[in-house]
Amino acid sequence: MQFSNSFNVSLPPADAWRMLMNIPAIAPCMPGAELTEVVDPETYKGKVAVRMGPVVLAFAGIAKFEERDDTAHTARVKAQGTDSKGRGGASATASFRLEPNGAGSKVLIDTDLNLSGSVAQYGRSAGMIQTIAAQLINQFAKSIEKQIAASADAPGGDAAAPAQASAAKPIGAISLVAGAMWTTVKRPFGAKNEDERDA
């Protein structure tokens, strides 16, 4: 399953890249994620928890930079993890690149995701997964901006080095899925209403 996402950062590319490559600092900004070990500057271990009603899918895995160009502001990361209760696993390859966007930067992400085992049933709808991914990226971007603001306001703060956030809680997947379903359902009606207004 392949999909693309993007978000904006209110820092110029060089500063935005330095911030985004500070993995220990930005990991808590991703909903449901927890960094558990820095193996080396290119390899990280962590956990991701997704709550599905009373069930929590907890993935433990590893992410490694396969390519990284600090001058061109591009990188490719490969990640894989398994559910703690043996219900399957997930693997993904994500390519990142930064582009200037006014006074800030635009981060573009291309992801190739594969689910296995019983957890693959949650990935049957590619549109649903893409919508949920977009919502997670949106939450991540908002957290990043809060960290930038907090660091910039702090005495001697560096906006490109966000302060450490508290440990993340499991993602509330029910609200994410509900939002994704609403987005999916309203699209054709929204398009119809726009057509009617143009008529």
Protein backbone atom coordinates (compact mmCIF):
# COMPACT_ATOMS: atom_id res chain seq x y z
CA MET A 1 0.00 0.00 0.00
CA GLN A 2 1.52 3.30 -1.09
CA PHE A 3 0.45 6.80 -0.10
CA SER A 4 1.85 10.30 0.28
CA ASN A 5 1.48 12.99 2.94
CA SER A 6 2.90 16.44 3.59
CA PHE A 7 2.95 19.08 6.30
CA ASN A 8 4.43 22.52 6.87
CA VAL A 9 7.03 23.62 9.41
CA SER A 10 7.52 27.27 10.36
CA LEU A 11 11.31 27.03 10.05
CA PRO A 12 13.58 27.44 7.01
CA PRO A 13 14.74 24.12 5.46
CA ALA A 14 18.15 23.97 7.18
CA ASP A 15 16.64 24.51 10.65
CA ALA A 16 13.62 22.32 9.94
CA TRP A 17 15.87 19.48 8.81
CA ARG A 18 18.08 19.75 11.89
CA MET A 19 14.97 19.61 14.07
CA LEU A 20 13.41 16.64 12.26
CA MET A 21 16.67 14.66 12.41
CA ASN A 22 16.71 15.06 16.22
CA ILE A 23 14.74 11.83 16.63
CA PRO A 24 14.77 11.62 20.46
CA ALA A 25 13.29 15.14 20.66
CA ILE A 26 10.53 14.77 18.08
CA ALA A 27 9.48 11.14 18.70
CA PRO A 28 7.01 12.11 21.47
CA CYS A 29 5.28 14.44 19.00
CA MET A 30 3.97 11.45 17.03
CA PRO A 31 0.66 10.23 18.54
CA GLY A 32 1.03 6.84 20.21
CA ALA A 33 4.79 6.59 19.65
CA GLU A 34 7.50 5.99 22.22
CA LEU A 35 11.24 5.86 21.58
CA THR A 36 12.75 3.07 23.70
CA GLU A 37 16.38 2.89 22.54
CA VAL A 38 18.88 4.76 20.39
CA VAL A 39 20.95 1.92 18.92
CA ASP A 40 23.17 4.29 16.94
CA PRO A 41 22.73 7.63 15.12
CA GLU A 42 20.94 5.84 12.27
CA THR A 43 18.96 3.16 14.14
CA TYR A 44 16.16 3.50 16.69
CA LYS A 45 13.90 1.12 18.58
CA GLY A 46 10.44 2.08 19.70
CA LYS A 47 6.81 1.23 20.31
CA VAL A 48 3.55 2.34 18.74
CA ALA A 49 0.21 1.71 20.48
CA VAL A 50 -3.14 1.91 18.72
CA ARG A 51 -6.34 1.58 20.75
CA MET A 52 -9.26 -0.09 18.97
CA GLY A 53 -12.05 0.18 21.54
CA PRO A 54 -11.09 -2.23 24.37
CA VAL A 55 -8.21 -3.70 22.31
CA VAL A 56 -4.76 -2.14 22.12
CA LEU A 57 -2.50 -3.12 19.24
CA ALA A 58 1.02 -2.55 20.54
CA PHE A 59 3.82 -2.75 18.00
CA ALA A 60 7.47 -2.95 19.03
CA GLY A 61 10.00 -2.47 16.29
CA ILE A 62 13.03 -0.82 14.82
CA ALA A 63 13.58 2.00 12.35
CA LYS A 64 16.78 2.60 10.42
CA PHE A 65 17.93 5.33 8.05
CA GLU A 66 18.84 3.62 4.77
CA GLU A 67 19.77 6.92 3.14
CA ARG A 68 20.26 10.42 4.49
CA ASP A 69 21.48 13.54 2.70
CA ASP A 70 21.74 16.49 5.08
CA THR A 71 22.63 18.84 2.22
CA ALA A 72 19.75 17.93 -0.10
CA HIS A 73 17.41 17.45 2.89
CA THR A 74 16.28 13.98 1.84
CA ALA A 75 16.16 10.66 3.68
CA ARG A 76 14.75 7.16 3.43
CA VAL A 77 13.79 5.19 6.53
CA LYS A 78 12.86 1.52 6.79
CA ALA A 79 10.80 0.41 9.79
CA GLN A 80 9.35 -2.89 10.90
CA GLY A 81 7.50 -4.06 13.97
CA THR A 82 5.45 -6.90 15.40
CA ASP A 83 2.36 -6.89 17.59
CA SER A 84 3.17 -7.82 21.20
CA LYS A 85 0.43 -10.47 21.22
CA GLY A 86 1.52 -12.13 18.00
CA ARG A 87 -1.35 -10.87 15.85
CA GLY A 88 0.90 -9.88 12.97
CA GLY A 89 3.26 -7.16 11.98
CA ALA A 90 3.91 -4.11 9.88
CA SER A 91 6.77 -2.93 7.72
CA ALA A 92 7.20 0.36 5.94
CA THR A 93 9.65 2.32 3.87
CA ALA A 94 9.24 6.09 4.02
CA SER A 95 11.04 8.68 1.91
CA PHE A 96 11.27 12.25 3.20
CA ARG A 97 12.24 15.48 1.50
CA LEU A 98 12.04 19.18 2.37
CA GLU A 99 11.11 22.04 0.09
CA PRO A 100 11.16 25.78 0.80
CA ASN A 101 7.67 27.10 1.49
CA GLY A 102 7.65 30.86 1.95
CA ALA A 103 9.55 31.61 5.16
CA GLY A 104 9.16 27.99 6.26
CA SER A 105 9.40 24.50 4.83
CA LYS A 106 7.16 21.81 3.40
CA VAL A 107 7.88 18.21 4.38
CA LEU A 108 6.83 15.60 1.81
CA ILE A 109 6.55 11.94 2.77
CA ASP A 110 6.06 8.93 0.46
CA THR A 111 5.24 5.70 2.30
CA ASP A 112 5.09 2.06 1.23
CA LEU A 113 3.26 0.13 4.00
CA ASN A 114 2.72 -3.62 4.35
CA LEU A 115 0.62 -5.32 7.05
CA SER A 116 0.73 -9.04 7.83
CA GLY A 117 -1.17 -11.50 9.99
CA SER A 118 -4.55 -10.72 11.52
CA VAL A 119 -3.72 -7.01 11.80
CA ALA A 120 -3.86 -6.85 8.00
CA GLN A 121 -7.67 -6.77 8.27
CA TYR A 122 -7.33 -3.16 9.41
CA GLY A 123 -5.56 -2.32 6.18
CA ARG A 124 -8.14 -3.66 3.75
CA SER A 125 -9.32 -0.17 2.91
CA ALA A 126 -6.42 1.77 1.43
CA GLY A 127 -8.47 4.98 1.49
CA MET A 128 -9.17 4.56 5.19
CA ILE A 129 -5.50 3.97 6.02
CA GLN A 130 -4.48 7.00 3.97
CA THR A 131 -7.02 9.21 5.73
CA ILE A 132 -5.92 8.00 9.18
CA ALA A 133 -2.26 8.55 8.22
CA ALA A 134 -3.11 12.10 7.15
CA GLN A 135 -4.79 12.75 10.51
CA LEU A 136 -1.76 11.40 12.40
CA ILE A 137 0.59 13.57 10.34
CA ASN A 138 -1.63 16.57 11.06
CA GLN A 139 -1.47 15.89 14.81
CA PHE A 140 2.30 15.43 14.56
CA ALA A 141 2.69 18.75 12.72
CA LYS A 142 0.65 20.57 15.38
CA SER A 143 2.80 19.08 18.14
CA ILE A 144 5.96 20.09 16.29
CA GLU A 145 4.73 23.68 16.03
CA LYS A 146 3.96 23.75 19.76
CA GLN A 147 7.47 22.52 20.50
CA ILE A 148 8.98 25.13 18.20
CA ALA A 149 7.01 27.89 19.91
CA ALA A 150 7.91 26.62 23.38
CA SER A 151 11.61 26.36 22.52
CA ALA A 152 11.69 29.78 20.88
CA ASP A 153 10.04 31.40 23.92
CA ALA A 154 12.34 29.72 26.44
CA PRO A 155 15.44 31.69 27.58
CA GLY A 156 18.28 30.74 25.25
CA GLY A 157 15.87 28.45 23.39
CA ASP A 158 16.59 26.99 19.97
CA ALA A 159 13.49 26.72 17.78
CA ALA A 160 15.13 23.95 15.78
CA ALA A 161 15.59 21.79 18.90
CA PRO A 162 12.16 21.06 20.41
CA ALA A 163 11.91 20.41 24.13
CA GLN A 164 11.24 16.82 25.21
CA ALA A 165 7.52 16.04 25.46
CA SER A 166 5.83 13.66 27.87
CA ALA A 167 5.40 10.00 26.93
CA ALA A 168 2.70 9.45 24.33
CA LYS A 169 -0.51 7.61 25.09
CA PRO A 170 -2.03 5.01 22.74
CA ILE A 171 -3.67 6.52 19.68
CA GLY A 172 -7.43 6.82 20.05
CA ALA A 173 -8.16 4.85 16.90
CA ILE A 174 -11.93 4.98 17.32
CA SER A 175 -11.93 8.77 16.93
CA LEU A 176 -9.44 8.49 14.07
CA VAL A 177 -11.53 5.91 12.23
CA ALA A 178 -14.70 7.92 12.82
CA GLY A 179 -12.99 10.98 11.40
CA ALA A 180 -11.66 8.99 8.47
CA MET A 181 -15.12 7.56 7.73
CA TRP A 182 -16.68 11.02 7.88
CA THR A 183 -14.02 12.43 5.55
CA THR A 184 -14.53 9.55 3.12
CA VAL A 185 -18.33 9.81 3.19
CA LYS A 186 -18.57 13.58 2.87
CA ARG A 187 -16.26 13.83 -0.16
CA PRO A 188 -18.83 12.89 -2.84
CA PHE A 189 -21.52 14.99 -1.13
CA GLY A 190 -19.14 17.92 -0.82
CA ALA A 191 -18.27 17.64 -4.50
CA LYS A 192 -21.98 17.45 -5.39
CA ASN A 193 -22.80 20.52 -3.32
CA GLU A 194 -19.99 22.46 -4.98
CA ASP A 195 -21.34 21.44 -8.39
CA GLU A 196 -24.82 22.59 -7.39
CA ARG A 197 -23.47 25.95 -6.23
CA ASP A 198 -21.61 26.37 -9.52
CA ALA A 199 -24.77 25.51 -11.51
